[in-house]
Amino acid sequence: MAIQVDHLAVGRWIRLLRPVSDAEGLTFAAGATWRIDAIAADTSTLIVTLRLYAVGSDATMRLDLRAPDGPRLGRMREWFEVVDPPCVVPSGPEPSREPEGLSTLARELRLGDIGAADARVRELAMRPRYAGENLQALAERLEAVARELSAVDLDRAAWIYEQAIDCWHGWGAMATSGGDGAARAPRIEAAQARQAAFLARA
C-alpha cells in the first residue's frame, strides 16, 4: 500500500512554507516547489525519505518524525502545502522531445485540429516517461496545458482537461490491489475537483 505522511503522498506537488533542515542537515529553501516521486519509511528509526523532483533537478529529503522541532508526524501542514502542478514540469528522458510534443499539442488545439490533438495525446502516452505508472505525470501536464490554453480558447481548454481526467482514470485502473486502488482514488477525485473548479471559472 502507498505510504502517506499526513497530506504528503506520492505524485503530489508541494511547496515549502518555511525553510526545512532534514535529518542529514540538508537545508531546503522556503518557497521551493517539488513533486514527490517516492516515499519510504524506516519504522525502526522513524525516518521518512522523500524522493523529490523539480525542474532540472532532484533531491532526497529525510525527515525524522520524532524531531522536537521541524516537520514531524501530525505537523506536516505547518511546513508543506499541496499545490497544483506548475506549467513547467521536471524533465527526464527525452528532454528535447517532450516540450515539442506539448507545444505541438497546444498549437494543434489552437488551430482547431482535434483529430491531430487526440493523436498527439495518444502518442505522448506511449513515450517511456509517461507509460504505465508514469501516466499520472502526463495527466498533470495536460492539466497545465489546459490552464494555459484557457486564456485564448476555453472550449479547447475544456477538451484537453477531459483528456487529463481520462489519463487520471487510466492511471487509477492500474491499481494492483483494493488497497492500492483506494490510495489512488483521492488523487483522482482531487483532479476531478480541479476540473470542476476550472469549468466553473470558465
N, C-alpha and C. Protein backbone atom coordinates (compact mmCIF):
# COMPACT_ATOMS: atom_id res chain seq x y z
N MET A 1 0.85 -1.20 0.00
CA MET A 1 0.00 0.00 0.00
C MET A 1 0.89 1.25 0.00
N ALA A 2 0.47 2.29 -0.72
CA ALA A 2 1.25 3.51 -0.80
C ALA A 2 1.36 4.17 0.57
N ILE A 3 2.53 4.74 0.84
CA ILE A 3 2.77 5.43 2.10
C ILE A 3 2.33 6.88 1.98
N GLN A 4 1.62 7.37 2.98
CA GLN A 4 1.25 8.78 3.04
C GLN A 4 1.55 9.29 4.44
N VAL A 5 2.18 10.45 4.51
CA VAL A 5 2.53 11.07 5.79
C VAL A 5 1.74 12.37 5.91
N ASP A 6 0.75 12.38 6.78
CA ASP A 6 -0.20 13.50 6.83
C ASP A 6 -0.77 13.71 5.43
N HIS A 7 -0.56 14.88 4.83
CA HIS A 7 -1.09 15.14 3.49
C HIS A 7 -0.07 14.91 2.39
N LEU A 8 1.12 14.43 2.74
CA LEU A 8 2.17 14.20 1.75
C LEU A 8 2.01 12.81 1.14
N ALA A 9 1.87 12.75 -0.19
CA ALA A 9 1.68 11.48 -0.88
C ALA A 9 2.41 11.52 -2.22
N VAL A 10 2.74 10.35 -2.71
CA VAL A 10 3.45 10.24 -3.99
C VAL A 10 2.63 10.89 -5.10
N GLY A 11 3.29 11.65 -5.95
CA GLY A 11 2.65 12.31 -7.08
C GLY A 11 2.16 13.71 -6.81
N ARG A 12 2.09 14.09 -5.54
CA ARG A 12 1.63 15.44 -5.22
C ARG A 12 2.75 16.45 -5.35
N TRP A 13 2.36 17.64 -5.78
CA TRP A 13 3.30 18.77 -5.80
C TRP A 13 3.18 19.51 -4.48
N ILE A 14 4.32 19.85 -3.89
CA ILE A 14 4.31 20.53 -2.60
C ILE A 14 5.17 21.80 -2.69
N ARG A 15 4.82 22.78 -1.86
CA ARG A 15 5.62 24.00 -1.73
C ARG A 15 6.01 24.14 -0.27
N LEU A 16 7.27 24.46 -0.04
CA LEU A 16 7.75 24.63 1.33
C LEU A 16 7.31 25.98 1.87
N LEU A 17 6.64 25.96 3.01
CA LEU A 17 6.14 27.19 3.62
C LEU A 17 7.22 27.90 4.43
N ARG A 18 8.26 27.17 4.79
CA ARG A 18 9.39 27.72 5.54
C ARG A 18 10.61 26.86 5.26
N PRO A 19 11.81 27.35 5.56
CA PRO A 19 13.00 26.53 5.31
C PRO A 19 12.94 25.23 6.12
N VAL A 20 13.41 24.16 5.51
CA VAL A 20 13.42 22.85 6.15
C VAL A 20 14.86 22.32 6.21
N SER A 21 15.29 21.94 7.39
CA SER A 21 16.57 21.25 7.56
C SER A 21 16.24 19.79 7.87
N ASP A 22 16.72 18.88 7.03
CA ASP A 22 16.31 17.49 7.21
C ASP A 22 17.23 16.75 8.17
N ALA A 23 17.02 15.46 8.31
CA ALA A 23 17.74 14.66 9.29
C ALA A 23 19.23 14.55 8.99
N GLU A 24 19.62 14.87 7.76
CA GLU A 24 21.03 14.81 7.38
C GLU A 24 21.67 16.19 7.33
N GLY A 25 20.94 17.20 7.76
CA GLY A 25 21.49 18.54 7.79
C GLY A 25 21.35 19.32 6.50
N LEU A 26 20.66 18.77 5.50
CA LEU A 26 20.44 19.49 4.25
C LEU A 26 19.32 20.51 4.45
N THR A 27 19.50 21.69 3.87
CA THR A 27 18.50 22.76 4.01
C THR A 27 17.78 22.96 2.69
N PHE A 28 16.46 23.01 2.76
CA PHE A 28 15.61 23.23 1.59
C PHE A 28 14.92 24.58 1.78
N ALA A 29 15.02 25.43 0.76
CA ALA A 29 14.56 26.82 0.89
C ALA A 29 13.04 26.94 0.92
N ALA A 30 12.57 27.91 1.66
CA ALA A 30 11.15 28.24 1.66
C ALA A 30 10.73 28.68 0.25
N GLY A 31 9.56 28.28 -0.17
CA GLY A 31 9.05 28.63 -1.49
C GLY A 31 9.40 27.64 -2.57
N ALA A 32 10.33 26.72 -2.29
CA ALA A 32 10.70 25.73 -3.29
C ALA A 32 9.51 24.81 -3.56
N THR A 33 9.35 24.42 -4.83
CA THR A 33 8.25 23.56 -5.24
C THR A 33 8.81 22.25 -5.78
N TRP A 34 8.29 21.16 -5.29
CA TRP A 34 8.78 19.83 -5.67
C TRP A 34 7.60 18.90 -5.91
N ARG A 35 7.86 17.87 -6.72
CA ARG A 35 6.92 16.76 -6.85
C ARG A 35 7.46 15.59 -6.05
N ILE A 36 6.62 14.96 -5.26
CA ILE A 36 7.03 13.77 -4.51
C ILE A 36 6.92 12.55 -5.42
N ASP A 37 8.05 11.95 -5.73
CA ASP A 37 8.04 10.80 -6.62
C ASP A 37 8.14 9.47 -5.88
N ALA A 38 8.57 9.50 -4.63
CA ALA A 38 8.62 8.27 -3.85
C ALA A 38 8.68 8.62 -2.36
N ILE A 39 8.10 7.76 -1.55
CA ILE A 39 8.17 7.91 -0.10
C ILE A 39 8.55 6.55 0.48
N ALA A 40 9.55 6.55 1.35
CA ALA A 40 9.95 5.33 2.05
C ALA A 40 10.01 5.63 3.53
N ALA A 41 9.69 4.64 4.34
CA ALA A 41 9.68 4.84 5.78
C ALA A 41 10.47 3.73 6.47
N ASP A 42 11.31 4.11 7.40
CA ASP A 42 12.06 3.17 8.23
C ASP A 42 11.37 3.15 9.61
N THR A 43 10.66 2.08 9.89
CA THR A 43 9.88 2.03 11.14
C THR A 43 10.77 1.92 12.37
N SER A 44 12.02 1.47 12.18
CA SER A 44 12.91 1.32 13.34
C SER A 44 13.46 2.67 13.80
N THR A 45 13.67 3.57 12.85
CA THR A 45 14.23 4.88 13.19
C THR A 45 13.21 6.00 13.08
N LEU A 46 12.04 5.69 12.49
CA LEU A 46 11.01 6.70 12.21
C LEU A 46 11.55 7.82 11.32
N ILE A 47 12.40 7.43 10.37
CA ILE A 47 12.88 8.36 9.35
C ILE A 47 12.07 8.11 8.08
N VAL A 48 11.50 9.17 7.54
CA VAL A 48 10.78 9.11 6.28
C VAL A 48 11.64 9.76 5.20
N THR A 49 11.79 9.07 4.09
CA THR A 49 12.59 9.59 2.98
C THR A 49 11.68 9.99 1.83
N LEU A 50 11.79 11.23 1.41
CA LEU A 50 11.02 11.74 0.28
C LEU A 50 11.95 11.90 -0.91
N ARG A 51 11.61 11.27 -2.03
CA ARG A 51 12.36 11.47 -3.27
C ARG A 51 11.65 12.57 -4.05
N LEU A 52 12.34 13.68 -4.29
CA LEU A 52 11.73 14.88 -4.85
C LEU A 52 12.28 15.21 -6.23
N TYR A 53 11.42 15.73 -7.09
CA TYR A 53 11.83 16.17 -8.42
C TYR A 53 11.29 17.57 -8.69
N ALA A 54 12.10 18.36 -9.33
CA ALA A 54 11.70 19.69 -9.77
C ALA A 54 12.31 19.94 -11.13
N VAL A 55 12.12 21.12 -11.66
CA VAL A 55 12.61 21.43 -13.00
C VAL A 55 14.14 21.34 -13.02
N GLY A 56 14.64 20.36 -13.75
CA GLY A 56 16.08 20.23 -13.94
C GLY A 56 16.85 19.74 -12.75
N SER A 57 16.19 19.23 -11.71
CA SER A 57 16.93 18.78 -10.55
C SER A 57 16.12 17.74 -9.78
N ASP A 58 16.80 17.06 -8.87
CA ASP A 58 16.12 16.14 -7.98
C ASP A 58 16.81 16.21 -6.63
N ALA A 59 16.16 15.70 -5.62
CA ALA A 59 16.72 15.77 -4.27
C ALA A 59 16.11 14.68 -3.41
N THR A 60 16.76 14.39 -2.31
CA THR A 60 16.24 13.46 -1.33
C THR A 60 16.16 14.18 0.01
N MET A 61 14.99 14.15 0.61
CA MET A 61 14.77 14.78 1.90
C MET A 61 14.43 13.69 2.92
N ARG A 62 15.16 13.67 4.02
CA ARG A 62 14.91 12.69 5.07
C ARG A 62 14.41 13.40 6.32
N LEU A 63 13.24 13.02 6.76
CA LEU A 63 12.60 13.68 7.90
C LEU A 63 12.50 12.72 9.09
N ASP A 64 12.92 13.20 10.25
CA ASP A 64 12.81 12.44 11.47
C ASP A 64 11.46 12.75 12.13
N LEU A 65 10.57 11.77 12.12
CA LEU A 65 9.23 12.00 12.64
C LEU A 65 9.21 12.23 14.15
N ARG A 66 10.34 11.99 14.83
CA ARG A 66 10.41 12.21 16.28
C ARG A 66 11.05 13.54 16.63
N ALA A 67 11.43 14.32 15.61
CA ALA A 67 12.15 15.56 15.86
C ALA A 67 11.33 16.50 16.75
N PRO A 68 11.96 17.13 17.74
CA PRO A 68 11.23 18.05 18.62
C PRO A 68 10.78 19.32 17.91
N ASP A 69 11.51 19.68 16.84
CA ASP A 69 11.07 20.80 16.01
C ASP A 69 11.26 20.40 14.55
N GLY A 70 10.76 21.20 13.66
CA GLY A 70 10.82 20.83 12.25
C GLY A 70 9.65 19.93 11.87
N PRO A 71 9.58 19.54 10.59
CA PRO A 71 8.47 18.71 10.12
C PRO A 71 8.44 17.37 10.86
N ARG A 72 7.26 17.00 11.33
CA ARG A 72 7.11 15.72 12.02
C ARG A 72 5.66 15.28 11.90
N LEU A 73 5.42 14.07 12.29
CA LEU A 73 4.09 13.48 12.13
C LEU A 73 3.03 14.33 12.81
N GLY A 74 1.97 14.63 12.07
CA GLY A 74 0.89 15.44 12.59
C GLY A 74 1.10 16.94 12.45
N ARG A 75 2.29 17.34 11.99
CA ARG A 75 2.59 18.79 11.87
C ARG A 75 3.07 19.16 10.47
N MET A 76 2.94 18.24 9.50
CA MET A 76 3.48 18.49 8.16
C MET A 76 2.83 19.69 7.48
N ARG A 77 1.57 19.95 7.77
CA ARG A 77 0.87 21.07 7.12
C ARG A 77 1.43 22.42 7.53
N GLU A 78 2.19 22.45 8.61
CA GLU A 78 2.82 23.70 9.02
C GLU A 78 4.05 24.01 8.18
N TRP A 79 4.52 23.00 7.44
CA TRP A 79 5.76 23.14 6.69
C TRP A 79 5.58 23.00 5.18
N PHE A 80 4.56 22.23 4.77
CA PHE A 80 4.36 21.96 3.35
C PHE A 80 2.90 22.20 2.98
N GLU A 81 2.69 22.79 1.80
CA GLU A 81 1.34 22.88 1.26
C GLU A 81 1.30 22.16 -0.08
N VAL A 82 0.18 21.52 -0.35
CA VAL A 82 -0.01 20.86 -1.64
C VAL A 82 -0.47 21.90 -2.64
N VAL A 83 0.15 21.92 -3.82
CA VAL A 83 -0.15 22.93 -4.84
C VAL A 83 -0.45 22.25 -6.16
N ASP A 84 -1.03 22.99 -7.09
CA ASP A 84 -1.27 22.47 -8.43
C ASP A 84 0.06 22.27 -9.15
N PRO A 85 0.10 21.33 -10.10
CA PRO A 85 1.34 21.16 -10.89
C PRO A 85 1.70 22.45 -11.60
N PRO A 86 2.98 22.79 -11.64
CA PRO A 86 3.39 24.01 -12.36
C PRO A 86 3.23 23.82 -13.85
N CYS A 87 3.21 24.94 -14.57
CA CYS A 87 3.10 24.86 -16.03
C CYS A 87 4.37 24.29 -16.65
N VAL A 88 5.50 24.54 -16.01
CA VAL A 88 6.76 23.94 -16.45
C VAL A 88 7.07 22.84 -15.48
N VAL A 89 7.33 21.64 -15.99
CA VAL A 89 7.46 20.47 -15.13
C VAL A 89 8.81 19.82 -15.31
N PRO A 90 9.19 18.93 -14.38
CA PRO A 90 10.52 18.34 -14.44
C PRO A 90 10.77 17.60 -15.74
N SER A 91 11.99 17.69 -16.20
CA SER A 91 12.39 16.95 -17.39
C SER A 91 12.95 15.61 -16.96
N GLY A 92 12.96 14.66 -17.88
CA GLY A 92 13.50 13.33 -17.61
C GLY A 92 14.04 12.81 -18.92
N PRO A 93 13.74 11.56 -19.28
CA PRO A 93 14.15 11.06 -20.58
C PRO A 93 13.54 11.90 -21.69
N GLU A 94 14.19 11.91 -22.81
CA GLU A 94 13.73 12.64 -23.99
C GLU A 94 13.53 14.12 -23.73
N PRO A 95 14.50 14.84 -23.13
CA PRO A 95 14.28 16.23 -22.78
C PRO A 95 13.98 17.13 -23.97
N SER A 96 14.49 16.78 -25.14
CA SER A 96 14.27 17.65 -26.29
C SER A 96 12.92 17.40 -26.95
N ARG A 97 12.36 16.18 -26.80
CA ARG A 97 11.12 15.85 -27.49
C ARG A 97 9.88 16.24 -26.70
N GLU A 98 9.96 16.15 -25.38
CA GLU A 98 8.76 16.35 -24.57
C GLU A 98 8.17 17.75 -24.70
N PRO A 99 8.97 18.83 -24.56
CA PRO A 99 8.38 20.16 -24.74
C PRO A 99 7.80 20.33 -26.13
N GLU A 100 8.49 19.75 -27.14
CA GLU A 100 7.99 19.86 -28.50
C GLU A 100 6.62 19.19 -28.62
N GLY A 101 6.46 18.04 -27.99
CA GLY A 101 5.18 17.35 -28.06
C GLY A 101 4.06 18.15 -27.45
N LEU A 102 4.31 18.76 -26.29
CA LEU A 102 3.27 19.55 -25.63
C LEU A 102 2.99 20.84 -26.38
N SER A 103 4.03 21.49 -26.88
CA SER A 103 3.80 22.73 -27.62
C SER A 103 3.07 22.45 -28.93
N THR A 104 3.40 21.32 -29.56
CA THR A 104 2.68 20.93 -30.78
C THR A 104 1.22 20.64 -30.48
N LEU A 105 0.98 19.98 -29.36
CA LEU A 105 -0.40 19.71 -28.95
C LEU A 105 -1.17 21.01 -28.77
N ALA A 106 -0.59 21.97 -28.08
CA ALA A 106 -1.26 23.25 -27.86
C ALA A 106 -1.51 23.96 -29.18
N ARG A 107 -0.55 23.89 -30.09
CA ARG A 107 -0.72 24.54 -31.39
C ARG A 107 -1.85 23.89 -32.19
N GLU A 108 -1.91 22.56 -32.16
CA GLU A 108 -2.98 21.85 -32.88
C GLU A 108 -4.34 22.20 -32.31
N LEU A 109 -4.41 22.37 -31.00
CA LEU A 109 -5.67 22.74 -30.38
C LEU A 109 -6.08 24.15 -30.78
N ARG A 110 -5.10 25.07 -30.81
CA ARG A 110 -5.43 26.45 -31.20
C ARG A 110 -5.93 26.51 -32.64
N LEU A 111 -5.43 25.59 -33.48
CA LEU A 111 -5.85 25.54 -34.88
C LEU A 111 -7.17 24.79 -35.06
N GLY A 112 -7.66 24.22 -33.95
CA GLY A 112 -8.94 23.51 -34.02
C GLY A 112 -8.84 22.12 -34.60
N ASP A 113 -7.63 21.58 -34.68
CA ASP A 113 -7.45 20.24 -35.25
C ASP A 113 -7.54 19.22 -34.12
N ILE A 114 -8.77 18.88 -33.73
CA ILE A 114 -8.98 17.97 -32.61
C ILE A 114 -8.45 16.57 -32.94
N GLY A 115 -8.62 16.16 -34.19
CA GLY A 115 -8.13 14.83 -34.58
C GLY A 115 -6.63 14.70 -34.37
N ALA A 116 -5.90 15.71 -34.81
CA ALA A 116 -4.45 15.69 -34.63
C ALA A 116 -4.08 15.78 -33.16
N ALA A 117 -4.83 16.59 -32.42
CA ALA A 117 -4.55 16.74 -30.99
C ALA A 117 -4.79 15.42 -30.25
N ASP A 118 -5.87 14.73 -30.62
CA ASP A 118 -6.17 13.44 -29.99
C ASP A 118 -5.04 12.44 -30.27
N ALA A 119 -4.57 12.43 -31.51
CA ALA A 119 -3.46 11.53 -31.86
C ALA A 119 -2.20 11.92 -31.10
N ARG A 120 -2.01 13.22 -30.88
CA ARG A 120 -0.83 13.69 -30.15
C ARG A 120 -0.87 13.21 -28.70
N VAL A 121 -2.04 13.28 -28.08
CA VAL A 121 -2.17 12.80 -26.70
C VAL A 121 -1.83 11.32 -26.63
N ARG A 122 -2.34 10.55 -27.58
CA ARG A 122 -2.07 9.11 -27.59
C ARG A 122 -0.58 8.84 -27.79
N GLU A 123 0.05 9.65 -28.64
CA GLU A 123 1.49 9.47 -28.88
C GLU A 123 2.30 9.80 -27.64
N LEU A 124 1.91 10.86 -26.95
CA LEU A 124 2.60 11.23 -25.71
C LEU A 124 2.48 10.12 -24.67
N ALA A 125 1.30 9.50 -24.61
CA ALA A 125 1.07 8.45 -23.61
C ALA A 125 1.92 7.21 -23.87
N MET A 126 2.44 7.07 -25.09
CA MET A 126 3.27 5.92 -25.42
C MET A 126 4.75 6.16 -25.10
N ARG A 127 5.12 7.40 -24.83
CA ARG A 127 6.52 7.68 -24.54
C ARG A 127 6.91 7.07 -23.20
N PRO A 128 8.16 6.63 -23.08
CA PRO A 128 8.58 5.95 -21.85
C PRO A 128 8.33 6.77 -20.58
N ARG A 129 8.47 8.08 -20.67
CA ARG A 129 8.31 8.88 -19.45
C ARG A 129 6.86 8.94 -18.99
N TYR A 130 5.92 8.58 -19.86
CA TYR A 130 4.51 8.64 -19.49
C TYR A 130 3.84 7.27 -19.46
N ALA A 131 4.53 6.24 -19.90
CA ALA A 131 3.91 4.92 -20.00
C ALA A 131 3.69 4.31 -18.61
N GLY A 132 2.70 3.44 -18.53
CA GLY A 132 2.46 2.71 -17.29
C GLY A 132 2.16 3.63 -16.13
N GLU A 133 2.86 3.39 -15.02
CA GLU A 133 2.62 4.17 -13.81
C GLU A 133 2.91 5.66 -13.99
N ASN A 134 3.69 6.00 -15.02
CA ASN A 134 4.02 7.41 -15.26
C ASN A 134 2.89 8.17 -15.94
N LEU A 135 1.77 7.50 -16.19
CA LEU A 135 0.65 8.19 -16.85
C LEU A 135 0.15 9.36 -16.01
N GLN A 136 0.33 9.29 -14.70
CA GLN A 136 -0.09 10.40 -13.84
C GLN A 136 0.66 11.68 -14.19
N ALA A 137 1.93 11.54 -14.61
CA ALA A 137 2.71 12.73 -14.99
C ALA A 137 2.11 13.39 -16.23
N LEU A 138 1.66 12.59 -17.19
CA LEU A 138 1.01 13.16 -18.38
C LEU A 138 -0.29 13.84 -17.99
N ALA A 139 -1.03 13.24 -17.08
CA ALA A 139 -2.28 13.86 -16.62
C ALA A 139 -2.01 15.24 -16.04
N GLU A 140 -0.96 15.35 -15.22
CA GLU A 140 -0.60 16.65 -14.62
C GLU A 140 -0.23 17.66 -15.70
N ARG A 141 0.51 17.23 -16.69
CA ARG A 141 0.97 18.15 -17.73
C ARG A 141 -0.17 18.59 -18.62
N LEU A 142 -1.10 17.69 -18.88
CA LEU A 142 -2.26 18.09 -19.68
C LEU A 142 -3.12 19.08 -18.92
N GLU A 143 -3.22 18.94 -17.62
CA GLU A 143 -3.92 19.94 -16.82
C GLU A 143 -3.26 21.31 -16.97
N ALA A 144 -1.92 21.31 -16.96
CA ALA A 144 -1.19 22.57 -17.11
C ALA A 144 -1.44 23.19 -18.48
N VAL A 145 -1.46 22.35 -19.53
CA VAL A 145 -1.75 22.85 -20.87
C VAL A 145 -3.15 23.46 -20.92
N ALA A 146 -4.11 22.80 -20.28
CA ALA A 146 -5.48 23.31 -20.27
C ALA A 146 -5.56 24.68 -19.61
N ARG A 147 -4.85 24.84 -18.50
CA ARG A 147 -4.88 26.13 -17.82
C ARG A 147 -4.27 27.24 -18.69
N GLU A 148 -3.18 26.90 -19.37
CA GLU A 148 -2.55 27.90 -20.24
C GLU A 148 -3.46 28.24 -21.42
N LEU A 149 -4.07 27.21 -22.02
CA LEU A 149 -4.89 27.40 -23.21
C LEU A 149 -6.18 28.15 -22.90
N SER A 150 -6.63 28.10 -21.65
CA SER A 150 -7.90 28.74 -21.29
C SER A 150 -7.88 30.24 -21.52
N ALA A 151 -6.69 30.82 -21.58
CA ALA A 151 -6.60 32.27 -21.81
C ALA A 151 -7.02 32.65 -23.22
N VAL A 152 -6.96 31.68 -24.15
CA VAL A 152 -7.27 32.01 -25.55
C VAL A 152 -8.43 31.19 -26.12
N ASP A 153 -8.71 30.02 -25.55
CA ASP A 153 -9.76 29.17 -26.12
C ASP A 153 -10.31 28.26 -25.03
N LEU A 154 -11.41 28.65 -24.44
CA LEU A 154 -11.99 27.89 -23.33
C LEU A 154 -12.50 26.53 -23.77
N ASP A 155 -13.10 26.45 -24.95
CA ASP A 155 -13.64 25.17 -25.42
C ASP A 155 -12.52 24.14 -25.60
N ARG A 156 -11.44 24.56 -26.23
CA ARG A 156 -10.31 23.63 -26.44
C ARG A 156 -9.66 23.28 -25.11
N ALA A 157 -9.60 24.26 -24.22
CA ALA A 157 -9.03 24.00 -22.90
C ALA A 157 -9.85 22.97 -22.14
N ALA A 158 -11.17 23.07 -22.24
CA ALA A 158 -12.04 22.10 -21.57
C ALA A 158 -11.84 20.71 -22.16
N TRP A 159 -11.62 20.65 -23.48
CA TRP A 159 -11.39 19.35 -24.13
C TRP A 159 -10.11 18.71 -23.62
N ILE A 160 -9.04 19.48 -23.55
CA ILE A 160 -7.77 18.90 -23.10
C ILE A 160 -7.84 18.53 -21.63
N TYR A 161 -8.63 19.28 -20.86
CA TYR A 161 -8.78 18.91 -19.44
C TYR A 161 -9.46 17.55 -19.33
N GLU A 162 -10.41 17.29 -20.22
CA GLU A 162 -11.08 15.99 -20.21
C GLU A 162 -10.09 14.87 -20.53
N GLN A 163 -9.13 15.16 -21.42
CA GLN A 163 -8.10 14.15 -21.72
C GLN A 163 -7.24 13.90 -20.48
N ALA A 164 -6.98 14.96 -19.73
CA ALA A 164 -6.20 14.81 -18.49
C ALA A 164 -6.94 13.90 -17.51
N ILE A 165 -8.25 14.10 -17.38
CA ILE A 165 -9.03 13.26 -16.46
C ILE A 165 -9.04 11.81 -16.94
N ASP A 166 -9.11 11.62 -18.25
CA ASP A 166 -9.05 10.25 -18.78
C ASP A 166 -7.72 9.58 -18.39
N CYS A 167 -6.64 10.36 -18.44
CA CYS A 167 -5.34 9.83 -18.04
C CYS A 167 -5.33 9.47 -16.55
N TRP A 168 -5.93 10.33 -15.74
CA TRP A 168 -6.02 10.03 -14.31
C TRP A 168 -6.76 8.72 -14.08
N HIS A 169 -7.86 8.52 -14.80
CA HIS A 169 -8.63 7.28 -14.64
C HIS A 169 -7.82 6.08 -15.15
N GLY A 170 -7.07 6.29 -16.24
CA GLY A 170 -6.22 5.21 -16.74
C GLY A 170 -5.18 4.81 -15.72
N TRP A 171 -4.60 5.82 -15.06
CA TRP A 171 -3.62 5.54 -14.01
C TRP A 171 -4.28 4.81 -12.85
N GLY A 172 -5.49 5.23 -12.49
CA GLY A 172 -6.19 4.57 -11.39
C GLY A 172 -6.50 3.12 -11.70
N ALA A 173 -6.78 2.83 -12.97
CA ALA A 173 -7.11 1.46 -13.36
C ALA A 173 -5.92 0.52 -13.26
N MET A 174 -4.72 1.07 -13.09
CA MET A 174 -3.52 0.24 -12.96
C MET A 174 -3.31 -0.27 -11.54
N ALA A 175 -4.20 0.06 -10.63
CA ALA A 175 -4.06 -0.39 -9.25
C ALA A 175 -3.93 -1.91 -9.20
N THR A 176 -3.04 -2.38 -8.37
CA THR A 176 -2.77 -3.81 -8.29
C THR A 176 -3.52 -4.50 -7.15
N SER A 177 -4.23 -3.74 -6.35
CA SER A 177 -4.99 -4.32 -5.24
C SER A 177 -6.07 -3.33 -4.82
N GLY A 178 -6.98 -3.81 -3.97
CA GLY A 178 -8.01 -2.91 -3.47
C GLY A 178 -7.43 -1.77 -2.67
N GLY A 179 -6.39 -2.07 -1.89
CA GLY A 179 -5.75 -1.02 -1.10
C GLY A 179 -5.06 -0.01 -1.98
N ASP A 180 -4.42 -0.49 -3.05
CA ASP A 180 -3.76 0.41 -3.99
C ASP A 180 -4.79 1.30 -4.67
N GLY A 181 -5.90 0.71 -5.06
CA GLY A 181 -6.96 1.50 -5.69
C GLY A 181 -7.51 2.57 -4.76
N ALA A 182 -7.68 2.19 -3.48
CA ALA A 182 -8.18 3.16 -2.50
C ALA A 182 -7.19 4.29 -2.30
N ALA A 183 -5.88 3.98 -2.38
CA ALA A 183 -4.86 5.01 -2.20
C ALA A 183 -4.83 5.97 -3.38
N ARG A 184 -5.16 5.48 -4.57
CA ARG A 184 -5.15 6.33 -5.77
C ARG A 184 -6.40 7.20 -5.87
N ALA A 185 -7.51 6.70 -5.33
CA ALA A 185 -8.79 7.38 -5.51
C ALA A 185 -8.78 8.84 -5.09
N PRO A 186 -8.16 9.22 -3.95
CA PRO A 186 -8.18 10.65 -3.57
C PRO A 186 -7.49 11.55 -4.59
N ARG A 187 -6.45 11.05 -5.23
CA ARG A 187 -5.77 11.89 -6.22
C ARG A 187 -6.64 12.08 -7.46
N ILE A 188 -7.36 11.04 -7.85
CA ILE A 188 -8.27 11.16 -9.00
C ILE A 188 -9.41 12.11 -8.65
N GLU A 189 -9.94 11.97 -7.46
CA GLU A 189 -11.02 12.86 -7.02
C GLU A 189 -10.55 14.30 -6.94
N ALA A 190 -9.30 14.51 -6.52
CA ALA A 190 -8.75 15.87 -6.46
C ALA A 190 -8.65 16.47 -7.86
N ALA A 191 -8.24 15.64 -8.82
CA ALA A 191 -8.16 16.11 -10.21
C ALA A 191 -9.53 16.47 -10.74
N GLN A 192 -10.53 15.66 -10.42
CA GLN A 192 -11.89 15.96 -10.85
C GLN A 192 -12.41 17.24 -10.21
N ALA A 193 -12.02 17.47 -8.97
CA ALA A 193 -12.42 18.72 -8.30
C ALA A 193 -11.75 19.92 -8.96
N ARG A 194 -10.47 19.76 -9.35
CA ARG A 194 -9.80 20.86 -10.06
C ARG A 194 -10.49 21.13 -11.39
N GLN A 195 -10.89 20.06 -12.09
CA GLN A 195 -11.59 20.23 -13.37
C GLN A 195 -12.91 20.98 -13.15
N ALA A 196 -13.65 20.57 -12.13
CA ALA A 196 -14.94 21.22 -11.86
C ALA A 196 -14.74 22.71 -11.55
N ALA A 197 -13.72 23.02 -10.77
CA ALA A 197 -13.43 24.43 -10.45
C ALA A 197 -13.02 25.19 -11.70
N PHE A 198 -12.23 24.53 -12.54
CA PHE A 198 -11.78 25.14 -13.80
C PHE A 198 -12.98 25.47 -14.70
N LEU A 199 -13.89 24.49 -14.85
CA LEU A 199 -15.05 24.70 -15.69
C LEU A 199 -15.98 25.76 -15.13
N ALA A 200 -16.05 25.83 -13.79
CA ALA A 200 -16.91 26.83 -13.17
C ALA A 200 -16.38 28.24 -13.43
N ARG A 201 -15.04 28.37 -13.41
CA ARG A 201 -14.44 29.70 -13.70
C ARG A 201 -14.58 30.05 -15.17
N ALA A 202 -14.52 29.02 -16.01
CA ALA A 202 -14.65 29.24 -17.45
C ALA A 202 -16.08 29.63 -17.78
